[in-house]
Amino acid sequence: MHSTLLVACLLYHAQRCLGSDNGMNMTMDGSVELATGQMLPYLHFTLGDTLWFLGWVPQSRGAMFGACIGLFLLALLERWLAVCKAIIEVHWNKSASQMLADKQKDSVILKHNTADRIFRRLAPPFVAAYDLPRGVAYAALALLNYLFMLTIMTFQLAFIFSLVVGLGVGEALFGRYALSAHLH
């Protein structure tokens, strides 16, 4: 008796919780209302878009200008980090190749295992002093790129233009250093 009543009560409450409207308007015809702003599903220049965190919502033109300057500088930083990573990788690769050559001079490679010789010749050795910072630099660049992607997903044209112009200016300022590092 008690279990039947319990099941009936649970089914009744489950039906109410899984109701069709549940007190919420689920249409996708307008903007998504957020606690402090709104997210418009089209390209726009209006104020009120959340940038990464709930409290980061430029509500005035000055705040929007500041956010755009910050995004521009962050785009410059991303290009600078990419160039620094490229330059230091050239140095690390030369050092690793030299270490591999020195190691091969000092040791005798077995003649009967051709695959082992080819792998040892092509794969540079793991050097923690080089490979761990390389991983950290890659993670930092990936983080910046994901933040840029989230910024683009706001559809705020001022943010998008700030990123695109910042990346272009950063490449113009720093890109030649990466190219010259690979040539030397």
N, C-alpha and C. Protein backbone atom coordinates (compact mmCIF):
# COMPACT_ATOMS: atom_id res chain seq x y z
N MET A 1 0.82 -1.18 0.00
CA MET A 1 0.00 0.00 0.00
C MET A 1 0.87 1.26 0.00
N HIS A 2 1.85 1.29 0.91
CA HIS A 2 2.70 2.47 1.01
C HIS A 2 3.57 2.64 -0.23
N SER A 3 4.07 1.55 -0.78
CA SER A 3 4.91 1.66 -1.98
C SER A 3 4.10 2.13 -3.18
N THR A 4 2.85 1.71 -3.29
CA THR A 4 1.99 2.14 -4.40
C THR A 4 1.73 3.64 -4.28
N LEU A 5 1.48 4.10 -3.08
CA LEU A 5 1.23 5.52 -2.86
C LEU A 5 2.49 6.34 -3.15
N LEU A 6 3.63 5.82 -2.76
CA LEU A 6 4.90 6.51 -3.01
C LEU A 6 5.18 6.61 -4.51
N VAL A 7 4.96 5.53 -5.24
CA VAL A 7 5.16 5.54 -6.69
C VAL A 7 4.20 6.52 -7.35
N ALA A 8 2.95 6.54 -6.91
CA ALA A 8 1.96 7.46 -7.48
C ALA A 8 2.37 8.91 -7.23
N CYS A 9 2.87 9.21 -6.04
CA CYS A 9 3.32 10.58 -5.74
C CYS A 9 4.54 10.96 -6.58
N LEU A 10 5.47 10.04 -6.73
CA LEU A 10 6.65 10.31 -7.54
C LEU A 10 6.28 10.53 -9.00
N LEU A 11 5.38 9.73 -9.54
CA LEU A 11 4.95 9.91 -10.92
C LEU A 11 4.24 11.25 -11.11
N TYR A 12 3.42 11.64 -10.14
CA TYR A 12 2.71 12.91 -10.23
C TYR A 12 3.70 14.08 -10.25
N HIS A 13 4.69 14.05 -9.35
CA HIS A 13 5.67 15.13 -9.29
C HIS A 13 6.62 15.10 -10.49
N ALA A 14 6.95 13.93 -10.99
CA ALA A 14 7.79 13.84 -12.18
C ALA A 14 7.09 14.44 -13.39
N GLN A 15 5.76 14.20 -13.48
CA GLN A 15 4.99 14.77 -14.58
C GLN A 15 4.98 16.29 -14.50
N ARG A 16 4.86 16.83 -13.32
CA ARG A 16 4.86 18.28 -13.16
C ARG A 16 6.22 18.87 -13.47
N CYS A 17 7.31 18.17 -13.09
CA CYS A 17 8.66 18.66 -13.36
C CYS A 17 9.01 18.58 -14.84
N LEU A 18 8.48 17.60 -15.52
CA LEU A 18 8.78 17.42 -16.93
C LEU A 18 7.69 17.99 -17.83
N GLY A 19 6.94 18.94 -17.35
CA GLY A 19 5.85 19.53 -18.12
C GLY A 19 6.35 20.22 -19.36
N SER A 20 5.42 20.57 -20.23
CA SER A 20 5.80 21.11 -21.54
C SER A 20 6.43 22.49 -21.45
N ASP A 21 5.91 23.38 -20.63
CA ASP A 21 6.50 24.72 -20.59
C ASP A 21 7.36 24.94 -19.36
N ASN A 22 7.05 24.27 -18.27
CA ASN A 22 7.86 24.34 -17.06
C ASN A 22 8.06 25.78 -16.59
N GLY A 23 7.17 26.67 -16.99
CA GLY A 23 7.28 28.05 -16.57
C GLY A 23 8.32 28.85 -17.32
N MET A 24 8.89 28.27 -18.37
CA MET A 24 9.94 28.96 -19.12
C MET A 24 9.53 29.09 -20.57
N ASN A 25 9.91 30.18 -21.19
CA ASN A 25 9.68 30.38 -22.61
C ASN A 25 10.87 29.81 -23.36
N MET A 26 10.67 28.75 -24.11
CA MET A 26 11.77 28.05 -24.77
C MET A 26 11.89 28.40 -26.25
N THR A 27 11.28 29.48 -26.71
CA THR A 27 11.40 29.83 -28.12
C THR A 27 12.79 30.40 -28.38
N MET A 28 13.24 30.30 -29.61
CA MET A 28 14.56 30.79 -30.00
C MET A 28 14.42 31.96 -30.96
N ASP A 29 13.32 32.71 -30.88
CA ASP A 29 13.05 33.76 -31.85
C ASP A 29 13.69 35.09 -31.52
N GLY A 30 14.24 35.27 -30.37
CA GLY A 30 14.81 36.56 -30.02
C GLY A 30 16.16 36.41 -29.35
N SER A 31 16.53 37.43 -28.62
CA SER A 31 17.80 37.38 -27.93
C SER A 31 17.67 36.52 -26.67
N VAL A 32 18.78 35.98 -26.23
CA VAL A 32 18.80 35.19 -25.01
C VAL A 32 19.04 36.16 -23.87
N GLU A 33 18.11 36.23 -22.94
CA GLU A 33 18.23 37.15 -21.81
C GLU A 33 19.15 36.55 -20.76
N LEU A 34 20.16 37.30 -20.38
CA LEU A 34 21.09 36.87 -19.35
C LEU A 34 20.87 37.72 -18.11
N ALA A 35 21.56 37.44 -17.04
CA ALA A 35 21.37 38.16 -15.79
C ALA A 35 21.73 39.63 -15.94
N THR A 36 22.79 39.94 -16.67
CA THR A 36 23.22 41.34 -16.77
C THR A 36 23.27 41.83 -18.21
N GLY A 37 23.00 41.00 -19.16
CA GLY A 37 23.07 41.42 -20.55
C GLY A 37 22.24 40.51 -21.41
N GLN A 38 22.47 40.60 -22.70
CA GLN A 38 21.75 39.73 -23.61
C GLN A 38 22.71 39.24 -24.68
N MET A 39 22.37 38.12 -25.28
CA MET A 39 23.20 37.56 -26.33
C MET A 39 22.37 37.56 -27.61
N LEU A 40 22.74 38.42 -28.53
CA LEU A 40 22.02 38.51 -29.80
C LEU A 40 22.60 37.49 -30.77
N PRO A 41 21.73 36.73 -31.46
CA PRO A 41 22.23 35.67 -32.34
C PRO A 41 22.57 36.15 -33.75
N TYR A 42 23.05 37.37 -33.89
CA TYR A 42 23.45 37.90 -35.19
C TYR A 42 24.54 38.95 -34.96
N LEU A 43 25.27 39.30 -36.00
CA LEU A 43 26.34 40.30 -35.89
C LEU A 43 25.73 41.65 -35.53
N HIS A 44 26.34 42.34 -34.56
CA HIS A 44 25.78 43.59 -34.07
C HIS A 44 26.86 44.44 -33.40
N PHE A 45 26.50 45.70 -33.16
CA PHE A 45 27.37 46.64 -32.45
C PHE A 45 26.74 47.09 -31.13
N THR A 46 25.66 46.49 -30.69
CA THR A 46 24.97 46.95 -29.49
C THR A 46 25.76 46.58 -28.23
N LEU A 47 25.52 47.34 -27.18
CA LEU A 47 26.18 47.11 -25.89
C LEU A 47 25.49 45.97 -25.15
N GLY A 48 26.16 45.44 -24.15
CA GLY A 48 25.53 44.49 -23.25
C GLY A 48 25.91 43.04 -23.44
N ASP A 49 26.96 42.75 -24.20
CA ASP A 49 27.38 41.36 -24.38
C ASP A 49 28.34 40.96 -23.28
N THR A 50 28.17 39.76 -22.78
CA THR A 50 29.06 39.22 -21.77
C THR A 50 30.35 38.75 -22.42
N LEU A 51 31.47 39.24 -21.88
CA LEU A 51 32.77 38.86 -22.41
C LEU A 51 33.45 37.92 -21.41
N TRP A 52 33.33 36.62 -21.61
CA TRP A 52 33.98 35.55 -20.87
C TRP A 52 33.39 35.28 -19.49
N PHE A 53 33.13 36.29 -18.67
CA PHE A 53 32.62 36.08 -17.32
C PHE A 53 31.35 36.90 -17.12
N LEU A 54 30.52 36.47 -16.19
CA LEU A 54 29.22 37.09 -15.97
C LEU A 54 29.35 38.58 -15.63
N GLY A 55 30.37 38.96 -14.92
CA GLY A 55 30.54 40.36 -14.54
C GLY A 55 31.19 41.23 -15.60
N TRP A 56 31.69 40.64 -16.67
CA TRP A 56 32.37 41.40 -17.71
C TRP A 56 31.39 41.71 -18.83
N VAL A 57 30.57 42.72 -18.59
CA VAL A 57 29.56 43.14 -19.57
C VAL A 57 29.72 44.63 -19.80
N PRO A 58 30.36 45.04 -20.90
CA PRO A 58 30.50 46.47 -21.18
C PRO A 58 29.12 47.10 -21.41
N GLN A 59 28.73 48.01 -20.51
CA GLN A 59 27.41 48.64 -20.59
C GLN A 59 27.46 50.06 -21.13
N SER A 60 28.66 50.63 -21.26
CA SER A 60 28.78 52.00 -21.79
C SER A 60 29.77 51.99 -22.95
N ARG A 61 29.79 53.09 -23.68
CA ARG A 61 30.73 53.18 -24.81
C ARG A 61 32.18 53.15 -24.33
N GLY A 62 32.45 53.79 -23.21
CA GLY A 62 33.80 53.78 -22.66
C GLY A 62 34.24 52.38 -22.26
N ALA A 63 33.33 51.64 -21.63
CA ALA A 63 33.65 50.26 -21.25
C ALA A 63 33.86 49.39 -22.49
N MET A 64 33.06 49.63 -23.53
CA MET A 64 33.22 48.87 -24.77
C MET A 64 34.57 49.21 -25.42
N PHE A 65 34.93 50.49 -25.42
CA PHE A 65 36.22 50.90 -25.96
C PHE A 65 37.37 50.25 -25.19
N GLY A 66 37.26 50.23 -23.86
CA GLY A 66 38.29 49.59 -23.04
C GLY A 66 38.39 48.10 -23.32
N ALA A 67 37.25 47.44 -23.49
CA ALA A 67 37.27 46.01 -23.80
C ALA A 67 37.91 45.78 -25.17
N CYS A 68 37.63 46.65 -26.12
CA CYS A 68 38.21 46.49 -27.46
C CYS A 68 39.72 46.72 -27.43
N ILE A 69 40.18 47.69 -26.66
CA ILE A 69 41.62 47.92 -26.52
C ILE A 69 42.27 46.71 -25.86
N GLY A 70 41.63 46.16 -24.83
CA GLY A 70 42.16 44.97 -24.18
C GLY A 70 42.25 43.78 -25.13
N LEU A 71 41.22 43.58 -25.96
CA LEU A 71 41.24 42.49 -26.93
C LEU A 71 42.32 42.71 -27.99
N PHE A 72 42.48 43.96 -28.42
CA PHE A 72 43.54 44.29 -29.38
C PHE A 72 44.91 43.95 -28.81
N LEU A 73 45.15 44.34 -27.56
CA LEU A 73 46.44 44.05 -26.92
C LEU A 73 46.63 42.56 -26.68
N LEU A 74 45.55 41.86 -26.37
CA LEU A 74 45.64 40.42 -26.20
C LEU A 74 45.97 39.73 -27.52
N ALA A 75 45.45 40.24 -28.63
CA ALA A 75 45.78 39.70 -29.95
C ALA A 75 47.25 39.96 -30.28
N LEU A 76 47.75 41.15 -29.94
CA LEU A 76 49.18 41.42 -30.11
C LEU A 76 50.02 40.45 -29.29
N LEU A 77 49.61 40.21 -28.04
CA LEU A 77 50.32 39.28 -27.17
C LEU A 77 50.35 37.89 -27.78
N GLU A 78 49.24 37.45 -28.37
CA GLU A 78 49.19 36.12 -28.97
C GLU A 78 50.20 36.00 -30.11
N ARG A 79 50.28 37.00 -30.96
CA ARG A 79 51.24 36.97 -32.08
C ARG A 79 52.67 37.01 -31.55
N TRP A 80 52.93 37.81 -30.52
CA TRP A 80 54.26 37.90 -29.94
C TRP A 80 54.67 36.55 -29.33
N LEU A 81 53.74 35.91 -28.60
CA LEU A 81 54.04 34.60 -28.02
C LEU A 81 54.30 33.56 -29.11
N ALA A 82 53.53 33.61 -30.19
CA ALA A 82 53.74 32.65 -31.28
C ALA A 82 55.11 32.84 -31.91
N VAL A 83 55.54 34.08 -32.08
CA VAL A 83 56.86 34.34 -32.65
C VAL A 83 57.96 33.92 -31.68
N CYS A 84 57.79 34.23 -30.41
CA CYS A 84 58.80 33.80 -29.42
C CYS A 84 58.93 32.29 -29.42
N LYS A 85 57.80 31.59 -29.48
CA LYS A 85 57.82 30.13 -29.51
C LYS A 85 58.54 29.63 -30.76
N ALA A 86 58.28 30.24 -31.90
CA ALA A 86 58.93 29.81 -33.15
C ALA A 86 60.44 30.05 -33.09
N ILE A 87 60.85 31.19 -32.57
CA ILE A 87 62.28 31.51 -32.48
C ILE A 87 62.99 30.55 -31.54
N ILE A 88 62.41 30.33 -30.38
CA ILE A 88 63.08 29.47 -29.40
C ILE A 88 63.06 28.02 -29.86
N GLU A 89 62.04 27.61 -30.63
CA GLU A 89 62.02 26.24 -31.14
C GLU A 89 63.16 25.99 -32.13
N VAL A 90 63.50 27.00 -32.93
CA VAL A 90 64.64 26.85 -33.84
C VAL A 90 65.91 26.62 -33.03
N HIS A 91 66.10 27.39 -31.98
CA HIS A 91 67.26 27.22 -31.12
C HIS A 91 67.25 25.85 -30.45
N TRP A 92 66.10 25.45 -29.92
CA TRP A 92 66.00 24.15 -29.25
C TRP A 92 66.27 23.01 -30.22
N ASN A 93 65.75 23.12 -31.44
CA ASN A 93 65.98 22.05 -32.43
C ASN A 93 67.45 21.93 -32.80
N LYS A 94 68.12 23.07 -32.93
CA LYS A 94 69.57 23.02 -33.21
C LYS A 94 70.32 22.39 -32.05
N SER A 95 69.96 22.76 -30.83
CA SER A 95 70.62 22.18 -29.66
C SER A 95 70.35 20.69 -29.55
N ALA A 96 69.11 20.28 -29.79
CA ALA A 96 68.77 18.86 -29.71
C ALA A 96 69.48 18.07 -30.79
N SER A 97 69.58 18.63 -31.98
CA SER A 97 70.30 17.95 -33.06
C SER A 97 71.77 17.80 -32.72
N GLN A 98 72.36 18.82 -32.13
CA GLN A 98 73.76 18.75 -31.72
C GLN A 98 73.95 17.71 -30.63
N MET A 99 73.02 17.67 -29.67
CA MET A 99 73.10 16.66 -28.61
C MET A 99 72.98 15.26 -29.19
N LEU A 100 72.10 15.08 -30.16
CA LEU A 100 71.92 13.78 -30.80
C LEU A 100 73.17 13.38 -31.57
N ALA A 101 73.78 14.34 -32.27
CA ALA A 101 75.00 14.04 -33.01
C ALA A 101 76.14 13.67 -32.07
N ASP A 102 76.25 14.40 -30.97
CA ASP A 102 77.29 14.08 -29.98
C ASP A 102 77.06 12.71 -29.36
N LYS A 103 75.81 12.38 -29.11
CA LYS A 103 75.48 11.09 -28.52
C LYS A 103 75.79 9.95 -29.49
N GLN A 104 75.54 10.17 -30.77
CA GLN A 104 75.81 9.14 -31.76
C GLN A 104 77.31 8.94 -31.97
N LYS A 105 78.09 9.98 -31.80
CA LYS A 105 79.54 9.83 -31.91
C LYS A 105 80.09 9.00 -30.75
N ASP A 106 79.51 9.21 -29.56
CA ASP A 106 80.02 8.54 -28.37
C ASP A 106 79.58 7.08 -28.26
N SER A 107 78.43 6.74 -28.83
CA SER A 107 77.94 5.37 -28.68
C SER A 107 77.90 4.67 -30.03
N VAL A 108 77.95 3.36 -29.96
CA VAL A 108 77.90 2.55 -31.16
C VAL A 108 76.45 2.10 -31.36
N ILE A 109 75.88 2.43 -32.52
CA ILE A 109 74.52 2.00 -32.82
C ILE A 109 74.56 0.61 -33.37
N LEU A 110 73.65 -0.20 -32.92
CA LEU A 110 73.60 -1.58 -33.38
C LEU A 110 73.32 -1.62 -34.87
N LYS A 111 74.09 -2.40 -35.58
CA LYS A 111 73.99 -2.44 -37.04
C LYS A 111 72.82 -3.29 -37.52
N HIS A 112 72.36 -4.25 -36.73
CA HIS A 112 71.35 -5.17 -37.22
C HIS A 112 69.93 -4.63 -37.12
N ASN A 113 69.65 -3.61 -36.36
CA ASN A 113 68.30 -3.09 -36.19
C ASN A 113 68.15 -1.78 -36.95
N THR A 114 67.73 -1.86 -38.20
CA THR A 114 67.62 -0.69 -39.08
C THR A 114 66.54 0.26 -38.60
N ALA A 115 65.39 -0.26 -38.15
CA ALA A 115 64.29 0.60 -37.70
C ALA A 115 64.72 1.42 -36.49
N ASP A 116 65.45 0.82 -35.59
CA ASP A 116 65.94 1.53 -34.41
C ASP A 116 66.90 2.64 -34.81
N ARG A 117 67.75 2.38 -35.77
CA ARG A 117 68.69 3.41 -36.23
C ARG A 117 67.95 4.57 -36.88
N ILE A 118 66.95 4.27 -37.71
CA ILE A 118 66.20 5.33 -38.38
C ILE A 118 65.45 6.18 -37.36
N PHE A 119 64.81 5.52 -36.38
CA PHE A 119 64.08 6.27 -35.37
C PHE A 119 65.01 7.15 -34.56
N ARG A 120 66.14 6.61 -34.18
CA ARG A 120 67.09 7.41 -33.40
C ARG A 120 67.63 8.58 -34.21
N ARG A 121 67.75 8.40 -35.51
CA ARG A 121 68.28 9.46 -36.35
C ARG A 121 67.25 10.57 -36.57
N LEU A 122 65.96 10.21 -36.64
CA LEU A 122 64.93 11.19 -36.97
C LEU A 122 64.32 11.85 -35.74
N ALA A 123 64.22 11.16 -34.65
CA ALA A 123 63.56 11.69 -33.46
C ALA A 123 64.57 12.37 -32.55
N PRO A 124 64.37 13.65 -32.28
CA PRO A 124 65.29 14.30 -31.34
C PRO A 124 65.02 13.78 -29.93
N PRO A 125 66.01 13.83 -29.08
CA PRO A 125 65.82 13.31 -27.72
C PRO A 125 64.90 14.22 -26.91
N PHE A 126 64.26 13.65 -25.89
CA PHE A 126 63.44 14.43 -24.97
C PHE A 126 64.37 15.17 -24.02
N VAL A 127 64.26 16.48 -24.03
CA VAL A 127 65.04 17.32 -23.13
C VAL A 127 64.03 18.13 -22.32
N ALA A 128 63.93 17.85 -21.05
CA ALA A 128 62.91 18.49 -20.21
C ALA A 128 63.03 20.02 -20.23
N ALA A 129 64.24 20.52 -20.28
CA ALA A 129 64.44 21.97 -20.28
C ALA A 129 63.88 22.63 -21.54
N TYR A 130 63.72 21.86 -22.61
CA TYR A 130 63.17 22.40 -23.86
C TYR A 130 61.71 22.00 -24.04
N ASP A 131 61.39 20.75 -23.78
CA ASP A 131 60.07 20.24 -24.12
C ASP A 131 58.98 20.67 -23.14
N LEU A 132 59.29 20.83 -21.88
CA LEU A 132 58.29 21.31 -20.94
C LEU A 132 57.90 22.77 -21.20
N PRO A 133 58.86 23.69 -21.40
CA PRO A 133 58.46 25.05 -21.76
C PRO A 133 57.74 25.11 -23.11
N ARG A 134 58.09 24.22 -24.03
CA ARG A 134 57.38 24.17 -25.31
C ARG A 134 55.92 23.82 -25.08
N GLY A 135 55.66 22.87 -24.19
CA GLY A 135 54.28 22.50 -23.86
C GLY A 135 53.52 23.62 -23.19
N VAL A 136 54.19 24.34 -22.28
CA VAL A 136 53.55 25.47 -21.61
C VAL A 136 53.22 26.57 -22.62
N ALA A 137 54.15 26.86 -23.53
CA ALA A 137 53.89 27.89 -24.55
C ALA A 137 52.74 27.48 -25.45
N TYR A 138 52.68 26.21 -25.82
CA TYR A 138 51.59 25.73 -26.66
C TYR A 138 50.25 25.85 -25.92
N ALA A 139 50.24 25.50 -24.63
CA ALA A 139 49.01 25.60 -23.84
C ALA A 139 48.56 27.06 -23.72
N ALA A 140 49.50 27.98 -23.54
CA ALA A 140 49.15 29.40 -23.45
C ALA A 140 48.55 29.90 -24.76
N LEU A 141 49.15 29.50 -25.88
CA LEU A 141 48.61 29.90 -27.18
C LEU A 141 47.24 29.28 -27.42
N ALA A 142 47.05 28.03 -27.01
CA ALA A 142 45.74 27.38 -27.17
C ALA A 142 44.69 28.08 -26.31
N LEU A 143 45.06 28.47 -25.08
CA LEU A 143 44.13 29.19 -24.21
C LEU A 143 43.71 30.51 -24.85
N LEU A 144 44.67 31.26 -25.36
CA LEU A 144 44.33 32.52 -26.01
C LEU A 144 43.42 32.30 -27.22
N ASN A 145 43.70 31.28 -28.00
CA ASN A 145 42.86 31.02 -29.17
C ASN A 145 41.45 30.61 -28.77
N TYR A 146 41.30 29.84 -27.70
CA TYR A 146 39.95 29.50 -27.23
C TYR A 146 39.23 30.73 -26.69
N LEU A 147 39.95 31.61 -26.01
CA LEU A 147 39.32 32.86 -25.55
C LEU A 147 38.89 33.71 -26.74
N PHE A 148 39.70 33.73 -27.79
CA PHE A 148 39.31 34.46 -29.00
C PHE A 148 38.05 33.85 -29.62
N MET A 149 37.98 32.53 -29.64
CA MET A 149 36.81 31.85 -30.19
C MET A 149 35.56 32.22 -29.39
N LEU A 150 35.66 32.23 -28.07
CA LEU A 150 34.51 32.60 -27.25
C LEU A 150 34.12 34.05 -27.48
N THR A 151 35.10 34.90 -27.72
CA THR A 151 34.81 36.31 -28.02
C THR A 151 34.07 36.43 -29.34
N ILE A 152 34.50 35.71 -30.34
CA ILE A 152 33.85 35.74 -31.65
C ILE A 152 32.40 35.26 -31.51
N MET A 153 32.17 34.29 -30.64
CA MET A 153 30.84 33.72 -30.49
C MET A 153 29.84 34.69 -29.85
N THR A 154 30.29 35.85 -29.37
CA THR A 154 29.34 36.85 -28.88
C THR A 154 28.67 37.59 -30.03
N PHE A 155 29.20 37.47 -31.25
CA PHE A 155 28.71 38.15 -32.45
C PHE A 155 28.85 39.67 -32.35
N GLN A 156 29.62 40.16 -31.40
CA GLN A 156 29.84 41.60 -31.24
C GLN A 156 30.92 42.02 -32.23
N LEU A 157 30.54 42.82 -33.21
CA LEU A 157 31.47 43.21 -34.27
C LEU A 157 32.65 44.03 -33.77
N ALA A 158 32.44 44.84 -32.75
CA ALA A 158 33.55 45.62 -32.21
C ALA A 158 34.62 44.69 -31.63
N PHE A 159 34.20 43.63 -30.95
CA PHE A 159 35.15 42.65 -30.43
C PHE A 159 35.87 41.93 -31.57
N ILE A 160 35.11 41.52 -32.57
CA ILE A 160 35.69 40.78 -33.69
C ILE A 160 36.70 41.63 -34.44
N PHE A 161 36.34 42.89 -34.73
CA PHE A 161 37.27 43.77 -35.44
C PHE A 161 38.52 44.03 -34.61
N SER A 162 38.37 44.19 -33.30
CA SER A 162 39.53 44.40 -32.43
C SER A 162 40.50 43.23 -32.49
N LEU A 163 39.95 42.02 -32.47
CA LEU A 163 40.81 40.83 -32.56
C LEU A 163 41.49 40.72 -33.91
N VAL A 164 40.73 40.92 -34.98
CA VAL A 164 41.28 40.77 -36.33
C VAL A 164 42.37 41.81 -36.58
N VAL A 165 42.09 43.05 -36.21
CA VAL A 165 43.08 44.11 -36.41
C VAL A 165 44.30 43.87 -35.51
N GLY A 166 44.08 43.44 -34.27
CA GLY A 166 45.20 43.14 -33.38
C GLY A 166 46.07 42.02 -33.89
N LEU A 167 45.46 40.96 -34.42
CA LEU A 167 46.23 39.86 -34.98
C LEU A 167 47.01 40.31 -36.22
N GLY A 168 46.38 41.13 -37.06
CA GLY A 168 47.07 41.63 -38.25
C GLY A 168 48.24 42.53 -37.90
N VAL A 169 48.03 43.46 -36.97
CA VAL A 169 49.11 44.36 -36.55
C VAL A 169 50.22 43.56 -35.87
N GLY A 170 49.84 42.59 -35.04
CA GLY A 170 50.84 41.76 -34.38
C GLY A 170 51.67 40.96 -35.36
N GLU A 171 51.02 40.44 -36.40
CA GLU A 171 51.78 39.70 -37.42
C GLU A 171 52.70 40.63 -38.19
N ALA A 172 52.22 41.85 -38.48
CA ALA A 172 53.06 42.82 -39.18
C ALA A 172 54.26 43.22 -38.33
N LEU A 173 54.05 43.36 -37.02
CA LEU A 173 55.14 43.76 -36.14
C LEU A 173 56.13 42.63 -35.86
N PHE A 174 55.62 41.43 -35.62
CA PHE A 174 56.46 40.35 -35.12
C PHE A 174 56.70 39.21 -36.10
N GLY A 175 55.92 39.09 -37.14
CA GLY A 175 55.99 37.94 -38.03
C GLY A 175 57.32 37.77 -38.73
N ARG A 176 57.97 38.88 -39.05
CA ARG A 176 59.25 38.78 -39.76
C ARG A 176 60.33 38.13 -38.91
N TYR A 177 60.22 38.24 -37.59
CA TYR A 177 61.22 37.61 -36.72
C TYR A 177 61.13 36.10 -36.78
N ALA A 178 59.91 35.58 -36.84
CA ALA A 178 59.74 34.12 -36.95
C ALA A 178 60.28 33.63 -38.29
N LEU A 179 60.04 34.37 -39.34
CA LEU A 179 60.53 33.98 -40.67
C LEU A 179 62.05 34.00 -40.70
N SER A 180 62.66 35.03 -40.14
CA SER A 180 64.13 35.11 -40.17
C SER A 180 64.76 34.05 -39.26
N ALA A 181 64.06 33.63 -38.20
CA ALA A 181 64.61 32.58 -37.33
C ALA A 181 64.69 31.25 -38.07
N HIS A 182 63.73 30.97 -38.93
CA HIS A 182 63.75 29.71 -39.67
C HIS A 182 64.75 29.73 -40.83
N LEU A 183 65.13 30.90 -41.26
CA LEU A 183 66.09 31.00 -42.36
C LEU A 183 67.52 30.83 -41.90
N HIS A 184 67.80 31.10 -40.63
CA HIS A 184 69.18 31.00 -40.13
C HIS A 184 69.52 29.62 -39.68
